[in-house]
All heavy atoms as atom14 arrays in JSON, in Angstrom:
{
  "sequence": "VTTPGGCTIAGLLTLEDGRVRSTMARAIQVATNHAA",
  "atom14_mask": [
    [1, 1, 1, 1, 1, 1, 1, 0, 0, 0, 0, 0, 0, 0],
    [1, 1, 1, 1, 1, 1, 1, 0, 0, 0, 0, 0, 0, 0],
    [1, 1, 1, 1, 1, 1, 1, 0, 0, 0, 0, 0, 0, 0],
    [1, 1, 1, 1, 1, 1, 1, 0, 0, 0, 0, 0, 0, 0],
    [1, 1, 1, 1, 0, 0, 0, 0, 0, 0, 0, 0, 0, 0],
    [1, 1, 1, 1, 0, 0, 0, 0, 0, 0, 0, 0, 0, 0],
    [1, 1, 1, 1, 1, 1, 0, 0, 0, 0, 0, 0, 0, 0],
    [1, 1, 1, 1, 1, 1, 1, 0, 0, 0, 0, 0, 0, 0],
    [1, 1, 1, 1, 1, 1, 1, 1, 0, 0, 0, 0, 0, 0],
    [1, 1, 1, 1, 1, 0, 0, 0, 0, 0, 0, 0, 0, 0],
    [1, 1, 1, 1, 0, 0, 0, 0, 0, 0, 0, 0, 0, 0],
    [1, 1, 1, 1, 1, 1, 1, 1, 0, 0, 0, 0, 0, 0],
    [1, 1, 1, 1, 1, 1, 1, 1, 0, 0, 0, 0, 0, 0],
    [1, 1, 1, 1, 1, 1, 1, 0, 0, 0, 0, 0, 0, 0],
    [1, 1, 1, 1, 1, 1, 1, 1, 0, 0, 0, 0, 0, 0],
    [1, 1, 1, 1, 1, 1, 1, 1, 1, 0, 0, 0, 0, 0],
    [1, 1, 1, 1, 1, 1, 1, 1, 0, 0, 0, 0, 0, 0],
    [1, 1, 1, 1, 0, 0, 0, 0, 0, 0, 0, 0, 0, 0],
    [1, 1, 1, 1, 1, 1, 1, 1, 1, 1, 1, 0, 0, 0],
    [1, 1, 1, 1, 1, 1, 1, 0, 0, 0, 0, 0, 0, 0],
    [1, 1, 1, 1, 1, 1, 1, 1, 1, 1, 1, 0, 0, 0],
    [1, 1, 1, 1, 1, 1, 0, 0, 0, 0, 0, 0, 0, 0],
    [1, 1, 1, 1, 1, 1, 1, 0, 0, 0, 0, 0, 0, 0],
    [1, 1, 1, 1, 1, 1, 1, 1, 0, 0, 0, 0, 0, 0],
    [1, 1, 1, 1, 1, 0, 0, 0, 0, 0, 0, 0, 0, 0],
    [1, 1, 1, 1, 1, 1, 1, 1, 1, 1, 1, 0, 0, 0],
    [1, 1, 1, 1, 1, 0, 0, 0, 0, 0, 0, 0, 0, 0],
    [1, 1, 1, 1, 1, 1, 1, 1, 0, 0, 0, 0, 0, 0],
    [1, 1, 1, 1, 1, 1, 1, 1, 1, 0, 0, 0, 0, 0],
    [1, 1, 1, 1, 1, 1, 1, 0, 0, 0, 0, 0, 0, 0],
    [1, 1, 1, 1, 1, 0, 0, 0, 0, 0, 0, 0, 0, 0],
    [1, 1, 1, 1, 1, 1, 1, 0, 0, 0, 0, 0, 0, 0],
    [1, 1, 1, 1, 1, 1, 1, 1, 0, 0, 0, 0, 0, 0],
    [1, 1, 1, 1, 1, 1, 1, 1, 1, 1, 0, 0, 0, 0],
    [1, 1, 1, 1, 1, 0, 0, 0, 0, 0, 0, 0, 0, 0],
    [1, 1, 1, 1, 1, 0, 0, 0, 0, 0, 0, 0, 0, 0]
  ],
  "atom14_positions": [
    [[-1.13, 11.35, 17.18], [-1.4, 12.2, 15.95], [-2.51, 11.66, 15.11], [-3.07, 12.44, 14.31], [-0.05, 12.16, 15.09], [-0.22, 13.1, 13.91], [1.21, 12.46, 15.95], [0.0, 0.0, 0.0], [0.0, 0.0, 0.0], [0.0, 0.0, 0.0], [0.0, 0.0, 0.0], [0.0, 0.0, 0.0], [0.0, 0.0, 0.0], [0.0, 0.0, 0.0]],
    [[-3.07, 10.52, 15.4], [-4.0, 9.85, 14.47], [-5.44, 10.13, 15.02], [-5.81, 9.51, 16.05], [-3.75, 8.38, 14.34], [-2.34, 8.18, 14.02], [-4.64, 7.76, 13.42], [0.0, 0.0, 0.0], [0.0, 0.0, 0.0], [0.0, 0.0, 0.0], [0.0, 0.0, 0.0], [0.0, 0.0, 0.0], [0.0, 0.0, 0.0], [0.0, 0.0, 0.0]],
    [[-6.19, 11.06, 14.39], [-7.55, 11.33, 14.81], [-8.48, 10.53, 13.92], [-8.19, 10.24, 12.71], [-7.84, 12.83, 14.59], [-7.51, 13.27, 13.3], [-7.0, 13.57, 15.68], [0.0, 0.0, 0.0], [0.0, 0.0, 0.0], [0.0, 0.0, 0.0], [0.0, 0.0, 0.0], [0.0, 0.0, 0.0], [0.0, 0.0, 0.0], [0.0, 0.0, 0.0]],
    [[-9.64, 10.22, 14.4], [-10.67, 9.44, 13.62], [-10.99, 10.12, 12.24], [-11.39, 11.27, 12.26], [-11.87, 9.38, 14.54], [-11.33, 9.5, 15.89], [-10.19, 10.48, 15.72], [0.0, 0.0, 0.0], [0.0, 0.0, 0.0], [0.0, 0.0, 0.0], [0.0, 0.0, 0.0], [0.0, 0.0, 0.0], [0.0, 0.0, 0.0], [0.0, 0.0, 0.0]],
    [[-10.85, 9.39, 11.19], [-11.22, 9.92, 9.86], [-10.29, 10.9, 9.31], [-10.62, 11.6, 8.32], [0.0, 0.0, 0.0], [0.0, 0.0, 0.0], [0.0, 0.0, 0.0], [0.0, 0.0, 0.0], [0.0, 0.0, 0.0], [0.0, 0.0, 0.0], [0.0, 0.0, 0.0], [0.0, 0.0, 0.0], [0.0, 0.0, 0.0], [0.0, 0.0, 0.0]],
    [[-9.12, 11.09, 10.06], [-8.21, 12.21, 9.55], [-7.26, 11.72, 8.48], [-7.24, 10.68, 8.04], [0.0, 0.0, 0.0], [0.0, 0.0, 0.0], [0.0, 0.0, 0.0], [0.0, 0.0, 0.0], [0.0, 0.0, 0.0], [0.0, 0.0, 0.0], [0.0, 0.0, 0.0], [0.0, 0.0, 0.0], [0.0, 0.0, 0.0], [0.0, 0.0, 0.0]],
    [[-6.37, 12.76, 8.12], [-5.42, 12.54, 7.02], [-4.34, 11.56, 7.49], [-3.67, 10.86, 6.65], [-4.84, 13.85, 6.56], [-3.99, 14.78, 7.75], [0.0, 0.0, 0.0], [0.0, 0.0, 0.0], [0.0, 0.0, 0.0], [0.0, 0.0, 0.0], [0.0, 0.0, 0.0], [0.0, 0.0, 0.0], [0.0, 0.0, 0.0], [0.0, 0.0, 0.0]],
    [[-4.03, 11.59, 8.81], [-2.91, 10.73, 9.34], [-3.24, 9.19, 9.18], [-2.41, 8.51, 8.64], [-2.58, 10.94, 10.78], [-2.27, 12.51, 10.9], [-1.38, 10.22, 11.23], [0.0, 0.0, 0.0], [0.0, 0.0, 0.0], [0.0, 0.0, 0.0], [0.0, 0.0, 0.0], [0.0, 0.0, 0.0], [0.0, 0.0, 0.0], [0.0, 0.0, 0.0]],
    [[-4.46, 8.83, 9.53], [-4.84, 7.42, 9.42], [-4.92, 7.01, 7.9], [-4.56, 5.88, 7.58], [-6.14, 7.15, 10.17], [-6.42, 5.6, 10.22], [-7.39, 7.89, 9.52], [-5.36, 4.92, 11.0], [0.0, 0.0, 0.0], [0.0, 0.0, 0.0], [0.0, 0.0, 0.0], [0.0, 0.0, 0.0], [0.0, 0.0, 0.0], [0.0, 0.0, 0.0]],
    [[-5.29, 8.01, 7.13], [-5.34, 7.64, 5.7], [-3.99, 7.29, 5.13], [-3.69, 6.42, 4.35], [-5.99, 8.78, 4.89], [0.0, 0.0, 0.0], [0.0, 0.0, 0.0], [0.0, 0.0, 0.0], [0.0, 0.0, 0.0], [0.0, 0.0, 0.0], [0.0, 0.0, 0.0], [0.0, 0.0, 0.0], [0.0, 0.0, 0.0], [0.0, 0.0, 0.0]],
    [[-3.05, 8.16, 5.55], [-1.59, 7.91, 5.13], [-1.05, 6.72, 5.73], [-0.32, 5.95, 5.02], [0.0, 0.0, 0.0], [0.0, 0.0, 0.0], [0.0, 0.0, 0.0], [0.0, 0.0, 0.0], [0.0, 0.0, 0.0], [0.0, 0.0, 0.0], [0.0, 0.0, 0.0], [0.0, 0.0, 0.0], [0.0, 0.0, 0.0], [0.0, 0.0, 0.0]],
    [[-1.42, 6.47, 7.07], [-0.82, 5.21, 7.68], [-1.33, 3.94, 6.99], [-0.63, 3.0, 6.84], [-1.29, 5.18, 9.14], [-0.53, 6.12, 10.03], [-1.16, 6.2, 11.42], [0.89, 5.73, 10.21], [0.0, 0.0, 0.0], [0.0, 0.0, 0.0], [0.0, 0.0, 0.0], [0.0, 0.0, 0.0], [0.0, 0.0, 0.0], [0.0, 0.0, 0.0]],
    [[-2.61, 3.93, 6.61], [-3.16, 2.76, 5.97], [-2.49, 2.52, 4.64], [-2.23, 1.38, 4.22], [-4.69, 2.94, 5.67], [-5.51, 2.77, 6.92], [-6.99, 2.98, 6.66], [-5.4, 1.4, 7.59], [0.0, 0.0, 0.0], [0.0, 0.0, 0.0], [0.0, 0.0, 0.0], [0.0, 0.0, 0.0], [0.0, 0.0, 0.0], [0.0, 0.0, 0.0]],
    [[-2.07, 3.62, 3.92], [-1.32, 3.49, 2.69], [-0.01, 2.8, 2.89], [0.47, 1.96, 2.21], [-1.19, 4.8, 1.99], [-2.52, 5.34, 1.73], [-0.33, 4.63, 0.73], [0.0, 0.0, 0.0], [0.0, 0.0, 0.0], [0.0, 0.0, 0.0], [0.0, 0.0, 0.0], [0.0, 0.0, 0.0], [0.0, 0.0, 0.0], [0.0, 0.0, 0.0]],
    [[0.73, 3.36, 3.97], [1.99, 2.77, 4.46], [1.82, 1.26, 4.75], [2.65, 0.38, 4.37], [2.55, 3.45, 5.61], [3.06, 4.85, 5.35], [3.43, 5.55, 6.63], [4.18, 4.95, 4.25], [0.0, 0.0, 0.0], [0.0, 0.0, 0.0], [0.0, 0.0, 0.0], [0.0, 0.0, 0.0], [0.0, 0.0, 0.0], [0.0, 0.0, 0.0]],
    [[0.73, 0.86, 5.43], [0.46, -0.46, 5.77], [0.2, -1.37, 4.54], [0.7, -2.55, 4.35], [-0.75, -0.67, 6.74], [-0.49, 0.0, 8.2], [0.59, -0.78, 8.99], [1.25, -1.69, 8.48], [0.74, -0.37, 10.2], [0.0, 0.0, 0.0], [0.0, 0.0, 0.0], [0.0, 0.0, 0.0], [0.0, 0.0, 0.0], [0.0, 0.0, 0.0]],
    [[-0.42, -0.84, 3.57], [-0.66, -1.47, 2.34], [0.64, -1.79, 1.65], [0.81, -2.84, 0.95], [-1.57, -0.66, 1.37], [-3.01, -0.53, 1.86], [-3.37, -1.35, 2.68], [-3.68, 0.42, 1.34], [0.0, 0.0, 0.0], [0.0, 0.0, 0.0], [0.0, 0.0, 0.0], [0.0, 0.0, 0.0], [0.0, 0.0, 0.0], [0.0, 0.0, 0.0]],
    [[1.58, -0.83, 1.74], [2.94, -1.02, 1.12], [3.9, -1.85, 2.0], [5.07, -1.98, 1.69], [0.0, 0.0, 0.0], [0.0, 0.0, 0.0], [0.0, 0.0, 0.0], [0.0, 0.0, 0.0], [0.0, 0.0, 0.0], [0.0, 0.0, 0.0], [0.0, 0.0, 0.0], [0.0, 0.0, 0.0], [0.0, 0.0, 0.0], [0.0, 0.0, 0.0]],
    [[3.41, -2.43, 3.04], [4.18, -3.23, 4.01], [5.5, -2.52, 4.49], [6.48, -3.12, 4.59], [4.47, -4.57, 3.22], [3.31, -5.41, 2.93], [3.61, -6.58, 2.08], [4.48, -7.51, 2.87], [4.97, -8.63, 2.32], [4.84, -8.93, 1.07], [5.63, -9.5, 3.18], [0.0, 0.0, 0.0], [0.0, 0.0, 0.0], [0.0, 0.0, 0.0]],
    [[5.42, -1.23, 4.69], [6.58, -0.45, 5.13], [7.13, -1.03, 6.49], [8.3, -1.14, 6.64], [6.19, 1.05, 5.21], [7.31, 1.76, 5.93], [5.97, 1.62, 3.78], [0.0, 0.0, 0.0], [0.0, 0.0, 0.0], [0.0, 0.0, 0.0], [0.0, 0.0, 0.0], [0.0, 0.0, 0.0], [0.0, 0.0, 0.0], [0.0, 0.0, 0.0]],
    [[6.18, -1.35, 7.42], [6.64, -1.69, 8.72], [7.39, -3.08, 8.64], [8.6, -3.17, 9.21], [5.39, -1.94, 9.57], [5.66, -2.46, 11.06], [4.44, -3.03, 11.7], [3.24, -2.08, 11.66], [2.91, -1.32, 12.7], [3.62, -1.36, 13.78], [1.91, -0.49, 12.55], [0.0, 0.0, 0.0], [0.0, 0.0, 0.0], [0.0, 0.0, 0.0]],
    [[6.86, -4.06, 7.95], [7.52, -5.31, 7.87], [8.79, -5.23, 6.98], [9.83, -6.01, 7.21], [6.67, -6.48, 7.36], [6.19, -6.16, 5.98], [0.0, 0.0, 0.0], [0.0, 0.0, 0.0], [0.0, 0.0, 0.0], [0.0, 0.0, 0.0], [0.0, 0.0, 0.0], [0.0, 0.0, 0.0], [0.0, 0.0, 0.0], [0.0, 0.0, 0.0]],
    [[8.81, -4.47, 5.95], [9.98, -4.34, 5.06], [11.08, -3.73, 5.9], [12.24, -4.15, 5.71], [9.65, -3.37, 3.92], [8.57, -4.04, 3.11], [10.78, -3.25, 2.97], [0.0, 0.0, 0.0], [0.0, 0.0, 0.0], [0.0, 0.0, 0.0], [0.0, 0.0, 0.0], [0.0, 0.0, 0.0], [0.0, 0.0, 0.0], [0.0, 0.0, 0.0]],
    [[10.82, -2.72, 6.69], [11.84, -2.08, 7.47], [12.42, -3.08, 8.53], [13.65, -3.13, 8.69], [11.35, -0.82, 8.16], [12.39, -0.01, 9.02], [13.66, 0.58, 7.94], [12.71, 2.01, 7.09], [0.0, 0.0, 0.0], [0.0, 0.0, 0.0], [0.0, 0.0, 0.0], [0.0, 0.0, 0.0], [0.0, 0.0, 0.0], [0.0, 0.0, 0.0]],
    [[11.58, -3.85, 9.09], [12.01, -4.87, 10.09], [12.87, -5.88, 9.5], [13.88, -6.33, 9.97], [10.78, -5.44, 10.84], [0.0, 0.0, 0.0], [0.0, 0.0, 0.0], [0.0, 0.0, 0.0], [0.0, 0.0, 0.0], [0.0, 0.0, 0.0], [0.0, 0.0, 0.0], [0.0, 0.0, 0.0], [0.0, 0.0, 0.0], [0.0, 0.0, 0.0]],
    [[12.45, -6.31, 8.25], [13.23, -7.28, 7.49], [14.6, -6.78, 7.07], [15.55, -7.52, 6.99], [12.44, -7.74, 6.34], [11.19, -8.62, 6.55], [11.58, -9.95, 7.26], [10.47, -10.83, 7.44], [10.44, -11.92, 8.14], [11.51, -12.32, 8.74], [9.26, -12.6, 8.17], [0.0, 0.0, 0.0], [0.0, 0.0, 0.0], [0.0, 0.0, 0.0]],
    [[14.62, -5.5, 6.77], [15.9, -4.8, 6.33], [16.86, -5.03, 7.5], [18.06, -5.23, 7.33], [15.72, -3.39, 5.98], [0.0, 0.0, 0.0], [0.0, 0.0, 0.0], [0.0, 0.0, 0.0], [0.0, 0.0, 0.0], [0.0, 0.0, 0.0], [0.0, 0.0, 0.0], [0.0, 0.0, 0.0], [0.0, 0.0, 0.0], [0.0, 0.0, 0.0]],
    [[16.51, -4.8, 8.76], [17.32, -4.91, 9.89], [17.79, -6.37, 10.03], [18.96, -6.65, 10.33], [16.56, -4.48, 11.29], [16.18, -3.08, 11.1], [17.49, -4.71, 12.41], [17.27, -2.0, 10.95], [0.0, 0.0, 0.0], [0.0, 0.0, 0.0], [0.0, 0.0, 0.0], [0.0, 0.0, 0.0], [0.0, 0.0, 0.0], [0.0, 0.0, 0.0]],
    [[16.9, -7.28, 9.84], [17.13, -8.75, 9.88], [18.18, -9.14, 8.78], [19.23, -9.77, 9.19], [15.92, -9.51, 9.69], [16.19, -11.07, 9.72], [14.95, -11.9, 9.36], [14.09, -11.43, 8.58], [14.73, -13.09, 9.95], [0.0, 0.0, 0.0], [0.0, 0.0, 0.0], [0.0, 0.0, 0.0], [0.0, 0.0, 0.0], [0.0, 0.0, 0.0]],
    [[18.02, -8.71, 7.66], [18.97, -9.04, 6.56], [20.31, -8.37, 6.76], [21.32, -8.98, 6.63], [18.35, -8.61, 5.17], [19.43, -8.77, 4.07], [17.18, -9.42, 4.87], [0.0, 0.0, 0.0], [0.0, 0.0, 0.0], [0.0, 0.0, 0.0], [0.0, 0.0, 0.0], [0.0, 0.0, 0.0], [0.0, 0.0, 0.0], [0.0, 0.0, 0.0]],
    [[20.38, -7.12, 7.16], [21.58, -6.42, 7.47], [22.37, -7.07, 8.61], [23.61, -7.14, 8.57], [21.36, -4.9, 7.74], [0.0, 0.0, 0.0], [0.0, 0.0, 0.0], [0.0, 0.0, 0.0], [0.0, 0.0, 0.0], [0.0, 0.0, 0.0], [0.0, 0.0, 0.0], [0.0, 0.0, 0.0], [0.0, 0.0, 0.0], [0.0, 0.0, 0.0]],
    [[21.59, -7.57, 9.54], [22.27, -8.25, 10.75], [22.98, -9.58, 10.26], [24.14, -9.69, 10.67], [21.15, -8.65, 11.82], [20.56, -7.39, 12.34], [21.81, -9.38, 12.96], [0.0, 0.0, 0.0], [0.0, 0.0, 0.0], [0.0, 0.0, 0.0], [0.0, 0.0, 0.0], [0.0, 0.0, 0.0], [0.0, 0.0, 0.0], [0.0, 0.0, 0.0]],
    [[22.29, -10.25, 9.53], [22.82, -11.56, 9.0], [24.09, -11.27, 8.13], [25.11, -12.09, 8.15], [21.79, -12.34, 8.2], [20.67, -12.84, 9.15], [20.82, -13.04, 10.25], [19.49, -13.06, 8.51], [0.0, 0.0, 0.0], [0.0, 0.0, 0.0], [0.0, 0.0, 0.0], [0.0, 0.0, 0.0], [0.0, 0.0, 0.0], [0.0, 0.0, 0.0]],
    [[24.03, -10.16, 7.38], [25.17, -9.86, 6.43], [26.34, -9.37, 7.29], [27.51, -9.65, 7.0], [24.73, -8.74, 5.5], [25.68, -8.49, 4.47], [25.9, -9.31, 3.34], [26.61, -7.5, 4.25], [26.93, -8.87, 2.59], [27.33, -7.76, 3.12], [0.0, 0.0, 0.0], [0.0, 0.0, 0.0], [0.0, 0.0, 0.0], [0.0, 0.0, 0.0]],
    [[26.01, -8.56, 8.39], [27.09, -8.12, 9.23], [27.89, -9.18, 9.85], [29.15, -9.08, 10.13], [26.51, -7.19, 10.31], [0.0, 0.0, 0.0], [0.0, 0.0, 0.0], [0.0, 0.0, 0.0], [0.0, 0.0, 0.0], [0.0, 0.0, 0.0], [0.0, 0.0, 0.0], [0.0, 0.0, 0.0], [0.0, 0.0, 0.0], [0.0, 0.0, 0.0]],
    [[27.24, -10.23, 10.15], [27.91, -11.41, 10.86], [28.92, -12.02, 9.95], [29.99, -12.58, 10.52], [26.86, -12.53, 11.18], [0.0, 0.0, 0.0], [0.0, 0.0, 0.0], [0.0, 0.0, 0.0], [0.0, 0.0, 0.0], [0.0, 0.0, 0.0], [0.0, 0.0, 0.0], [0.0, 0.0, 0.0], [0.0, 0.0, 0.0], [0.0, 0.0, 0.0]]
  ]
}
């Protein structure tokens, strides 16, 4: 979906700035530890 200079990459960079990827992964980690 990501074309050079397009709107998708602009939005993705904003998500990366907000650490969405690592925050979601950490949410799974924390929920796993709590489930135990």
